[in-house]
Amino acid sequence: MRKLGIAAMAFFVAFGIGYVGTQAGETKAKMEEMKGDVKSMNEETKGENKALREEAKGNDTKAAVERGKGKMKSAGEKAKAKSKELKAKTE
């Protein structure tokens, strides 16, 4: 009876801790994804604000360039977030 109890406890510990570790990795991955989305939106907003200022001055070409920069930085942040998310999932 004692051996059965020890085996059951070992089984529970082995699979219970493994589950918690997996769940923590998924939580961290989701957090990294959300942080990346926020940073991405922030960069795009910065670019849009600069573009609006340039349009107010009458510089349509510079406005288009600033929008493009914002979108490129946004895409870069999304890519960084995706790589961090994948890294967190594999840990």
PDB file of N, CA and C in Angstrom:
ATOM      1  N   MET A   1       0.813  -1.178   0.000  1.00  0.00           N
ATOM      2  CA  MET A   1       0.000   0.000   0.000  1.00  0.00           C
ATOM      3  C   MET A   1       0.869   1.259   0.000  1.00  0.00           C
ATOM      4  N   ARG A   2       1.914   1.228   0.768  1.00  0.00           N
ATOM      5  CA  ARG A   2       2.803   2.387   0.851  1.00  0.00           C
ATOM      6  C   ARG A   2       3.476   2.637  -0.499  1.00  0.00           C
ATOM      7  N   LYS A   3       3.901   1.561  -1.178  1.00  0.00           N
ATOM      8  CA  LYS A   3       4.551   1.701  -2.484  1.00  0.00           C
ATOM      9  C   LYS A   3       3.581   2.306  -3.497  1.00  0.00           C
ATOM     10  N   LEU A   4       2.333   1.902  -3.428  1.00  0.00           N
ATOM     11  CA  LEU A   4       1.325   2.445  -4.335  1.00  0.00           C
ATOM     12  C   LEU A   4       1.123   3.940  -4.083  1.00  0.00           C
ATOM     13  N   GLY A   5       1.106   4.343  -2.848  1.00  0.00           N
ATOM     14  CA  GLY A   5       0.953   5.761  -2.499  1.00  0.00           C
ATOM     15  C   GLY A   5       2.124   6.589  -2.998  1.00  0.00           C
ATOM     16  N   ILE A   6       3.325   6.052  -2.836  1.00  0.00           N
ATOM     17  CA  ILE A   6       4.526   6.757  -3.296  1.00  0.00           C
ATOM     18  C   ILE A   6       4.508   6.880  -4.820  1.00  0.00           C
ATOM     19  N   ALA A   7       4.116   5.816  -5.497  1.00  0.00           N
ATOM     20  CA  ALA A   7       4.051   5.840  -6.962  1.00  0.00           C
ATOM     21  C   ALA A   7       3.008   6.850  -7.434  1.00  0.00           C
ATOM     22  N   ALA A   8       1.866   6.882  -6.767  1.00  0.00           N
ATOM     23  CA  ALA A   8       0.817   7.830  -7.148  1.00  0.00           C
ATOM     24  C   ALA A   8       1.287   9.267  -6.935  1.00  0.00           C
ATOM     25  N   MET A   9       1.973   9.499  -5.821  1.00  0.00           N
ATOM     26  CA  MET A   9       2.471  10.839  -5.533  1.00  0.00           C
ATOM     27  C   MET A   9       3.530  11.254  -6.560  1.00  0.00           C
ATOM     28  N   ALA A  10       4.401  10.347  -6.912  1.00  0.00           N
ATOM     29  CA  ALA A  10       5.426  10.641  -7.917  1.00  0.00           C
ATOM     30  C   ALA A  10       4.785  10.955  -9.268  1.00  0.00           C
ATOM     31  N   PHE A  11       3.759  10.190  -9.609  1.00  0.00           N
ATOM     32  CA  PHE A  11       3.045  10.416 -10.862  1.00  0.00           C
ATOM     33  C   PHE A  11       2.406  11.806 -10.869  1.00  0.00           C
ATOM     34  N   PHE A  12       1.751  12.153  -9.768  1.00  0.00           N
ATOM     35  CA  PHE A  12       1.094  13.446  -9.664  1.00  0.00           C
ATOM     36  C   PHE A  12       2.097  14.592  -9.758  1.00  0.00           C
ATOM     37  N   VAL A  13       3.191  14.463  -9.058  1.00  0.00           N
ATOM     38  CA  VAL A  13       4.212  15.515  -9.064  1.00  0.00           C
ATOM     39  C   VAL A  13       4.811  15.665 -10.461  1.00  0.00           C
ATOM     40  N   ALA A  14       5.105  14.547 -11.104  1.00  0.00           N
ATOM     41  CA  ALA A  14       5.730  14.604 -12.429  1.00  0.00           C
ATOM     42  C   ALA A  14       4.826  15.300 -13.440  1.00  0.00           C
ATOM     43  N   PHE A  15       3.575  14.939 -13.478  1.00  0.00           N
ATOM     44  CA  PHE A  15       2.683  15.519 -14.464  1.00  0.00           C
ATOM     45  C   PHE A  15       2.110  16.860 -14.015  1.00  0.00           C
ATOM     46  N   GLY A  16       1.929  17.054 -12.739  1.00  0.00           N
ATOM     47  CA  GLY A  16       1.413  18.319 -12.225  1.00  0.00           C
ATOM     48  C   GLY A  16       2.387  19.456 -12.460  1.00  0.00           C
ATOM     49  N   ILE A  17       3.635  19.255 -12.137  1.00  0.00           N
ATOM     50  CA  ILE A  17       4.652  20.291 -12.329  1.00  0.00           C
ATOM     51  C   ILE A  17       4.886  20.533 -13.812  1.00  0.00           C
ATOM     52  N   GLY A  18       4.866  19.497 -14.611  1.00  0.00           N
ATOM     53  CA  GLY A  18       5.029  19.661 -16.055  1.00  0.00           C
ATOM     54  C   GLY A  18       3.933  20.525 -16.646  1.00  0.00           C
ATOM     55  N   TYR A  19       2.708  20.351 -16.145  1.00  0.00           N
ATOM     56  CA  TYR A  19       1.583  21.148 -16.635  1.00  0.00           C
ATOM     57  C   TYR A  19       1.740  22.611 -16.256  1.00  0.00           C
ATOM     58  N   VAL A  20       2.147  22.873 -15.037  1.00  0.00           N
ATOM     59  CA  VAL A  20       2.321  24.251 -14.583  1.00  0.00           C
ATOM     60  C   VAL A  20       3.410  24.937 -15.399  1.00  0.00           C
ATOM     61  N   GLY A  21       4.503  24.224 -15.691  1.00  0.00           N
ATOM     62  CA  GLY A  21       5.571  24.794 -16.501  1.00  0.00           C
ATOM     63  C   GLY A  21       5.097  25.139 -17.895  1.00  0.00           C
ATOM     64  N   THR A  22       4.294  24.286 -18.477  1.00  0.00           N
ATOM     65  CA  THR A  22       3.754  24.540 -19.808  1.00  0.00           C
ATOM     66  C   THR A  22       2.818  25.729 -19.789  1.00  0.00           C
ATOM     67  N   GLN A  23       1.983  25.782 -18.787  1.00  0.00           N
ATOM     68  CA  GLN A  23       1.032  26.875 -18.688  1.00  0.00           C
ATOM     69  C   GLN A  23       1.757  28.212 -18.504  1.00  0.00           C
ATOM     70  N   ALA A  24       2.825  28.219 -17.721  1.00  0.00           N
ATOM     71  CA  ALA A  24       3.590  29.452 -17.509  1.00  0.00           C
ATOM     72  C   ALA A  24       4.229  29.918 -18.812  1.00  0.00           C
ATOM     73  N   GLY A  25       4.743  28.984 -19.619  1.00  0.00           N
ATOM     74  CA  GLY A  25       5.343  29.339 -20.904  1.00  0.00           C
ATOM     75  C   GLY A  25       4.328  29.947 -21.853  1.00  0.00           C
ATOM     76  N   GLU A  26       3.122  29.400 -21.850  1.00  0.00           N
ATOM     77  CA  GLU A  26       2.073  29.934 -22.716  1.00  0.00           C
ATOM     78  C   GLU A  26       1.646  31.328 -22.255  1.00  0.00           C
ATOM     79  N   THR A  27       1.601  31.530 -20.952  1.00  0.00           N
ATOM     80  CA  THR A  27       1.238  32.837 -20.422  1.00  0.00           C
ATOM     81  C   THR A  27       2.288  33.874 -20.799  1.00  0.00           C
ATOM     82  N   LYS A  28       3.543  33.501 -20.664  1.00  0.00           N
ATOM     83  CA  LYS A  28       4.625  34.423 -21.018  1.00  0.00           C
ATOM     84  C   LYS A  28       4.585  34.733 -22.515  1.00  0.00           C
ATOM     85  N   ALA A  29       4.304  33.720 -23.325  1.00  0.00           N
ATOM     86  CA  ALA A  29       4.226  33.922 -24.774  1.00  0.00           C
ATOM     87  C   ALA A  29       3.095  34.890 -25.117  1.00  0.00           C
ATOM     88  N   LYS A  30       1.954  34.733 -24.468  1.00  0.00           N
ATOM     89  CA  LYS A  30       0.816  35.616 -24.722  1.00  0.00           C
ATOM     90  C   LYS A  30       1.158  37.042 -24.292  1.00  0.00           C
ATOM     91  N   MET A  31       1.860  37.178 -23.162  1.00  0.00           N
ATOM     92  CA  MET A  31       2.251  38.497 -22.681  1.00  0.00           C
ATOM     93  C   MET A  31       3.199  39.168 -23.673  1.00  0.00           C
ATOM     94  N   GLU A  32       4.157  38.412 -24.206  1.00  0.00           N
ATOM     95  CA  GLU A  32       5.096  38.965 -25.194  1.00  0.00           C
ATOM     96  C   GLU A  32       4.358  39.414 -26.445  1.00  0.00           C
ATOM     97  N   GLU A  33       3.374  38.629 -26.856  1.00  0.00           N
ATOM     98  CA  GLU A  33       2.593  38.986 -28.043  1.00  0.00           C
ATOM     99  C   GLU A  33       1.832  40.292 -27.811  1.00  0.00           C
ATOM    100  N   MET A  34       1.223  40.437 -26.639  1.00  0.00           N
ATOM    101  CA  MET A  34       0.468  41.650 -26.338  1.00  0.00           C
ATOM    102  C   MET A  34       1.389  42.869 -26.225  1.00  0.00           C
ATOM    103  N   LYS A  35       2.557  42.690 -25.620  1.00  0.00           N
ATOM    104  CA  LYS A  35       3.504  43.802 -25.534  1.00  0.00           C
ATOM    105  C   LYS A  35       3.936  44.243 -26.930  1.00  0.00           C
ATOM    106  N   GLY A  36       4.170  43.282 -27.805  1.00  0.00           N
ATOM    107  CA  GLY A  36       4.552  43.599 -29.181  1.00  0.00           C
ATOM    108  C   GLY A  36       3.458  44.341 -29.922  1.00  0.00           C
ATOM    109  N   ASP A  37       2.213  43.935 -29.704  1.00  0.00           N
ATOM    110  CA  ASP A  37       1.098  44.625 -30.350  1.00  0.00           C
ATOM    111  C   ASP A  37       1.004  46.073 -29.884  1.00  0.00           C
ATOM    112  N   VAL A  38       1.202  46.290 -28.590  1.00  0.00           N
ATOM    113  CA  VAL A  38       1.140  47.650 -28.045  1.00  0.00           C
ATOM    114  C   VAL A  38       2.267  48.500 -28.627  1.00  0.00           C
ATOM    115  N   LYS A  39       3.473  47.950 -28.662  1.00  0.00           N
ATOM    116  CA  LYS A  39       4.607  48.694 -29.212  1.00  0.00           C
ATOM    117  C   LYS A  39       4.385  48.984 -30.693  1.00  0.00           C
ATOM    118  N   SER A  40       3.815  48.022 -31.393  1.00  0.00           N
ATOM    119  CA  SER A  40       3.538  48.186 -32.814  1.00  0.00           C
ATOM    120  C   SER A  40       2.549  49.327 -33.050  1.00  0.00           C
ATOM    121  N   MET A  41       1.470  49.328 -32.286  1.00  0.00           N
ATOM    122  CA  MET A  41       0.474  50.400 -32.428  1.00  0.00           C
ATOM    123  C   MET A  41       1.084  51.749 -32.056  1.00  0.00           C
ATOM    124  N   ASN A  42       1.954  51.752 -31.058  1.00  0.00           N
ATOM    125  CA  ASN A  42       2.614  52.985 -30.639  1.00  0.00           C
ATOM    126  C   ASN A  42       3.462  53.559 -31.766  1.00  0.00           C
ATOM    127  N   GLU A  43       4.243  52.716 -32.432  1.00  0.00           N
ATOM    128  CA  GLU A  43       5.091  53.185 -33.537  1.00  0.00           C
ATOM    129  C   GLU A  43       4.252  53.699 -34.697  1.00  0.00           C
ATOM    130  N   GLU A  44       3.172  53.007 -34.997  1.00  0.00           N
ATOM    131  CA  GLU A  44       2.307  53.439 -36.100  1.00  0.00           C
ATOM    132  C   GLU A  44       1.638  54.780 -35.765  1.00  0.00           C
ATOM    133  N   THR A  45       1.248  54.952 -34.514  1.00  0.00           N
ATOM    134  CA  THR A  45       0.639  56.210 -34.088  1.00  0.00           C
ATOM    135  C   THR A  45       1.636  57.360 -34.162  1.00  0.00           C
ATOM    136  N   LYS A  46       2.870  57.088 -33.759  1.00  0.00           N
ATOM    137  CA  LYS A  46       3.910  58.125 -33.854  1.00  0.00           C
ATOM    138  C   LYS A  46       4.088  58.578 -35.305  1.00  0.00           C
ATOM    139  N   GLY A  47       4.144  57.614 -36.204  1.00  0.00           N
ATOM    140  CA  GLY A  47       4.296  57.932 -37.620  1.00  0.00           C
ATOM    141  C   GLY A  47       3.122  58.731 -38.151  1.00  0.00           C
ATOM    142  N   GLU A  48       1.929  58.357 -37.739  1.00  0.00           N
ATOM    143  CA  GLU A  48       0.731  59.074 -38.182  1.00  0.00           C
ATOM    144  C   GLU A  48       0.724  60.507 -37.644  1.00  0.00           C
ATOM    145  N   ASN A  49       1.131  60.670 -36.385  1.00  0.00           N
ATOM    146  CA  ASN A  49       1.189  62.026 -35.806  1.00  0.00           C
ATOM    147  C   ASN A  49       2.184  62.904 -36.557  1.00  0.00           C
ATOM    148  N   LYS A  50       3.335  62.352 -36.869  1.00  0.00           N
ATOM    149  CA  LYS A  50       4.337  63.119 -37.626  1.00  0.00           C
ATOM    150  C   LYS A  50       3.794  63.460 -39.014  1.00  0.00           C
ATOM    151  N   ALA A  51       3.095  62.510 -39.609  1.00  0.00           N
ATOM    152  CA  ALA A  51       2.532  62.743 -40.942  1.00  0.00           C
ATOM    153  C   ALA A  51       1.489  63.861 -40.902  1.00  0.00           C
ATOM    154  N   LEU A  52       0.667  63.867 -39.888  1.00  0.00           N
ATOM    155  CA  LEU A  52      -0.346  64.921 -39.783  1.00  0.00           C
ATOM    156  C   LEU A  52       0.290  66.293 -39.596  1.00  0.00           C
ATOM    157  N   ARG A  53       1.388  66.335 -38.819  1.00  0.00           N
ATOM    158  CA  ARG A  53       2.087  67.607 -38.659  1.00  0.00           C
ATOM    159  C   ARG A  53       2.660  68.097 -39.984  1.00  0.00           C
ATOM    160  N   GLU A  54       3.210  67.167 -40.747  1.00  0.00           N
ATOM    161  CA  GLU A  54       3.785  67.536 -42.052  1.00  0.00           C
ATOM    162  C   GLU A  54       2.689  67.980 -43.016  1.00  0.00           C
ATOM    163  N   GLU A  55       1.532  67.316 -42.982  1.00  0.00           N
ATOM    164  CA  GLU A  55       0.424  67.727 -43.845  1.00  0.00           C
ATOM    165  C   GLU A  55      -0.065  69.120 -43.475  1.00  0.00           C
ATOM    166  N   ALA A  56      -0.071  69.420 -42.185  1.00  0.00           N
ATOM    167  CA  ALA A  56      -0.493  70.745 -41.742  1.00  0.00           C
ATOM    168  C   ALA A  56       0.453  71.826 -42.274  1.00  0.00           C
ATOM    169  N   LYS A  57       1.712  71.460 -42.420  1.00  0.00           N
ATOM    170  CA  LYS A  57       2.696  72.401 -42.967  1.00  0.00           C
ATOM    171  C   LYS A  57       2.599  72.491 -44.488  1.00  0.00           C
ATOM    172  N   GLY A  58       1.935  71.509 -45.087  1.00  0.00           N
ATOM    173  CA  GLY A  58       1.797  71.504 -46.540  1.00  0.00           C
ATOM    174  C   GLY A  58       2.771  70.577 -47.239  1.00  0.00           C
ATOM    175  N   ASN A  59       3.459  69.750 -46.494  1.00  0.00           N
ATOM    176  CA  ASN A  59       4.443  68.813 -47.067  1.00  0.00           C
ATOM    177  C   ASN A  59       3.820  67.423 -47.218  1.00  0.00           C
ATOM    178  N   ASP A  60       3.127  67.207 -48.314  1.00  0.00           N
ATOM    179  CA  ASP A  60       2.467  65.917 -48.519  1.00  0.00           C
ATOM    180  C   ASP A  60       3.464  64.788 -48.723  1.00  0.00           C
ATOM    181  N   THR A  61       4.574  65.078 -49.365  1.00  0.00           N
ATOM    182  CA  THR A  61       5.579  64.037 -49.605  1.00  0.00           C
ATOM    183  C   THR A  61       6.193  63.576 -48.290  1.00  0.00           C
ATOM    184  N   LYS A  62       6.571  64.518 -47.439  1.00  0.00           N
ATOM    185  CA  LYS A  62       7.136  64.153 -46.137  1.00  0.00           C
ATOM    186  C   LYS A  62       6.118  63.404 -45.292  1.00  0.00           C
ATOM    187  N   ALA A  63       4.852  63.780 -45.423  1.00  0.00           N
ATOM    188  CA  ALA A  63       3.795  63.096 -44.673  1.00  0.00           C
ATOM    189  C   ALA A  63       3.723  61.627 -45.087  1.00  0.00           C
ATOM    190  N   ALA A  64       3.795  61.374 -46.373  1.00  0.00           N
ATOM    191  CA  ALA A  64       3.756  59.994 -46.861  1.00  0.00           C
ATOM    192  C   ALA A  64       4.973  59.209 -46.374  1.00  0.00           C
ATOM    193  N   VAL A  65       6.128  59.871 -46.344  1.00  0.00           N
ATOM    194  CA  VAL A  65       7.348  59.222 -45.868  1.00  0.00           C
ATOM    195  C   VAL A  65       7.208  58.863 -44.388  1.00  0.00           C
ATOM    196  N   GLU A  66       6.681  59.775 -43.592  1.00  0.00           N
ATOM    197  CA  GLU A  66       6.513  59.523 -42.154  1.00  0.00           C
ATOM    198  C   GLU A  66       5.529  58.384 -41.901  1.00  0.00           C
ATOM    199  N   ARG A  67       4.457  58.332 -42.700  1.00  0.00           N
ATOM    200  CA  ARG A  67       3.511  57.217 -42.561  1.00  0.00           C
ATOM    201  C   ARG A  67       4.196  55.895 -42.888  1.00  0.00           C
ATOM    202  N   GLY A  68       4.990  55.912 -43.938  1.00  0.00           N
ATOM    203  CA  GLY A  68       5.722  54.703 -44.322  1.00  0.00           C
ATOM    204  C   GLY A  68       6.697  54.259 -43.240  1.00  0.00           C
ATOM    205  N   LYS A  69       7.403  55.218 -42.642  1.00  0.00           N
ATOM    206  CA  LYS A  69       8.333  54.899 -41.558  1.00  0.00           C
ATOM    207  C   LYS A  69       7.591  54.278 -40.383  1.00  0.00           C
ATOM    208  N   GLY A  70       6.447  54.858 -40.054  1.00  0.00           N
ATOM    209  CA  GLY A  70       5.652  54.334 -38.937  1.00  0.00           C
ATOM    210  C   GLY A  70       5.207  52.911 -39.185  1.00  0.00           C
ATOM    211  N   LYS A  71       4.791  52.643 -40.419  1.00  0.00           N
ATOM    212  CA  LYS A  71       4.340  51.289 -40.748  1.00  0.00           C
ATOM    213  C   LYS A  71       5.500  50.295 -40.744  1.00  0.00           C
ATOM    214  N   MET A  72       6.668  50.736 -41.195  1.00  0.00           N
ATOM    215  CA  MET A  72       7.843  49.851 -41.193  1.00  0.00           C
ATOM    216  C   MET A  72       8.285  49.538 -39.767  1.00  0.00           C
ATOM    217  N   LYS A  73       8.314  50.558 -38.912  1.00  0.00           N
ATOM    218  CA  LYS A  73       8.684  50.328 -37.517  1.00  0.00           C
ATOM    219  C   LYS A  73       7.654  49.432 -36.834  1.00  0.00           C
ATOM    220  N   SER A  74       6.400  49.613 -37.189  1.00  0.00           N
ATOM    221  CA  SER A  74       5.332  48.790 -36.639  1.00  0.00           C
ATOM    222  C   SER A  74       5.542  47.329 -37.030  1.00  0.00           C
ATOM    223  N   ALA A  75       5.864  47.105 -38.277  1.00  0.00           N
ATOM    224  CA  ALA A  75       6.110  45.732 -38.746  1.00  0.00           C
ATOM    225  C   ALA A  75       7.329  45.133 -38.047  1.00  0.00           C
ATOM    226  N   GLY A  76       8.353  45.953 -37.821  1.00  0.00           N
ATOM    227  CA  GLY A  76       9.542  45.477 -37.112  1.00  0.00           C
ATOM    228  C   GLY A  76       9.222  45.069 -35.692  1.00  0.00           C
ATOM    229  N   GLU A  77       8.387  45.847 -35.016  1.00  0.00           N
ATOM    230  CA  GLU A  77       7.990  45.513 -33.644  1.00  0.00           C
ATOM    231  C   GLU A  77       7.163  44.226 -33.614  1.00  0.00           C
ATOM    232  N   LYS A  78       6.302  44.052 -34.611  1.00  0.00           N
ATOM    233  CA  LYS A  78       5.503  42.824 -34.674  1.00  0.00           C
ATOM    234  C   LYS A  78       6.399  41.610 -34.874  1.00  0.00           C
ATOM    235  N   ALA A  79       7.415  41.744 -35.708  1.00  0.00           N
ATOM    236  CA  ALA A  79       8.343  40.639 -35.953  1.00  0.00           C
ATOM    237  C   ALA A  79       9.127  40.304 -34.693  1.00  0.00           C
ATOM    238  N   LYS A  80       9.588  41.335 -33.978  1.00  0.00           N
ATOM    239  CA  LYS A  80      10.308  41.098 -32.717  1.00  0.00           C
ATOM    240  C   LYS A  80       9.412  40.395 -31.711  1.00  0.00           C
ATOM    241  N   ALA A  81       8.166  40.842 -31.637  1.00  0.00           N
ATOM    242  CA  ALA A  81       7.224  40.243 -30.697  1.00  0.00           C
ATOM    243  C   ALA A  81       6.973  38.781 -31.037  1.00  0.00           C
ATOM    244  N   LYS A  82       6.865  38.486 -32.317  1.00  0.00           N
ATOM    245  CA  LYS A  82       6.616  37.099 -32.737  1.00  0.00           C
ATOM    246  C   LYS A  82       7.792  36.209 -32.368  1.00  0.00           C
ATOM    247  N   SER A  83       9.009  36.719 -32.562  1.00  0.00           N
ATOM    248  CA  SER A  83      10.178  35.905 -32.214  1.00  0.00           C
ATOM    249  C   SER A  83      10.261  35.703 -30.700  1.00  0.00           C
ATOM    250  N   LYS A  84       9.935  36.740 -29.921  1.00  0.00           N
ATOM    251  CA  LYS A  84       9.939  36.590 -28.452  1.00  0.00           C
ATOM    252  C   LYS A  84       8.869  35.624 -28.011  1.00  0.00           C
ATOM    253  N   GLU A  85       7.716  35.677 -28.696  1.00  0.00           N
ATOM    254  CA  GLU A  85       6.616  34.767 -28.361  1.00  0.00           C
ATOM    255  C   GLU A  85       7.032  33.314 -28.621  1.00  0.00           C
ATOM    256  N   LEU A  86       7.654  33.070 -29.768  1.00  0.00           N
ATOM    257  CA  LEU A  86       8.083  31.710 -30.091  1.00  0.00           C
ATOM    258  C   LEU A  86       9.158  31.233 -29.111  1.00  0.00           C
ATOM    259  N   LYS A  87      10.041  32.128 -28.731  1.00  0.00           N
ATOM    260  CA  LYS A  87      11.080  31.788 -27.760  1.00  0.00           C
ATOM    261  C   LYS A  87      10.458  31.417 -26.432  1.00  0.00           C
ATOM    262  N   ALA A  88       9.460  32.176 -25.999  1.00  0.00           N
ATOM    263  CA  ALA A  88       8.799  31.898 -24.725  1.00  0.00           C
ATOM    264  C   ALA A  88       8.069  30.567 -24.771  1.00  0.00           C
ATOM    265  N   LYS A  89       7.492  30.219 -25.916  1.00  0.00           N
ATOM    266  CA  LYS A  89       6.789  28.947 -26.040  1.00  0.00           C
ATOM    267  C   LYS A  89       7.735  27.764 -25.962  1.00  0.00           C
ATOM    268  N   THR A  90       8.955  27.940 -26.445  1.00  0.00           N
ATOM    269  CA  THR A  90       9.900  26.819 -26.443  1.00  0.00           C
ATOM    270  C   THR A  90      10.619  26.653 -25.105  1.00  0.00           C
ATOM    271  N   GLU A  91      10.539  27.661 -24.239  1.00  0.00           N
ATOM    272  CA  GLU A  91      11.204  27.555 -22.941  1.00  0.00           C
ATOM    273  C   GLU A  91      10.446  26.660 -22.008  1.00  0.00           C
TER     274      GLU A  91
END
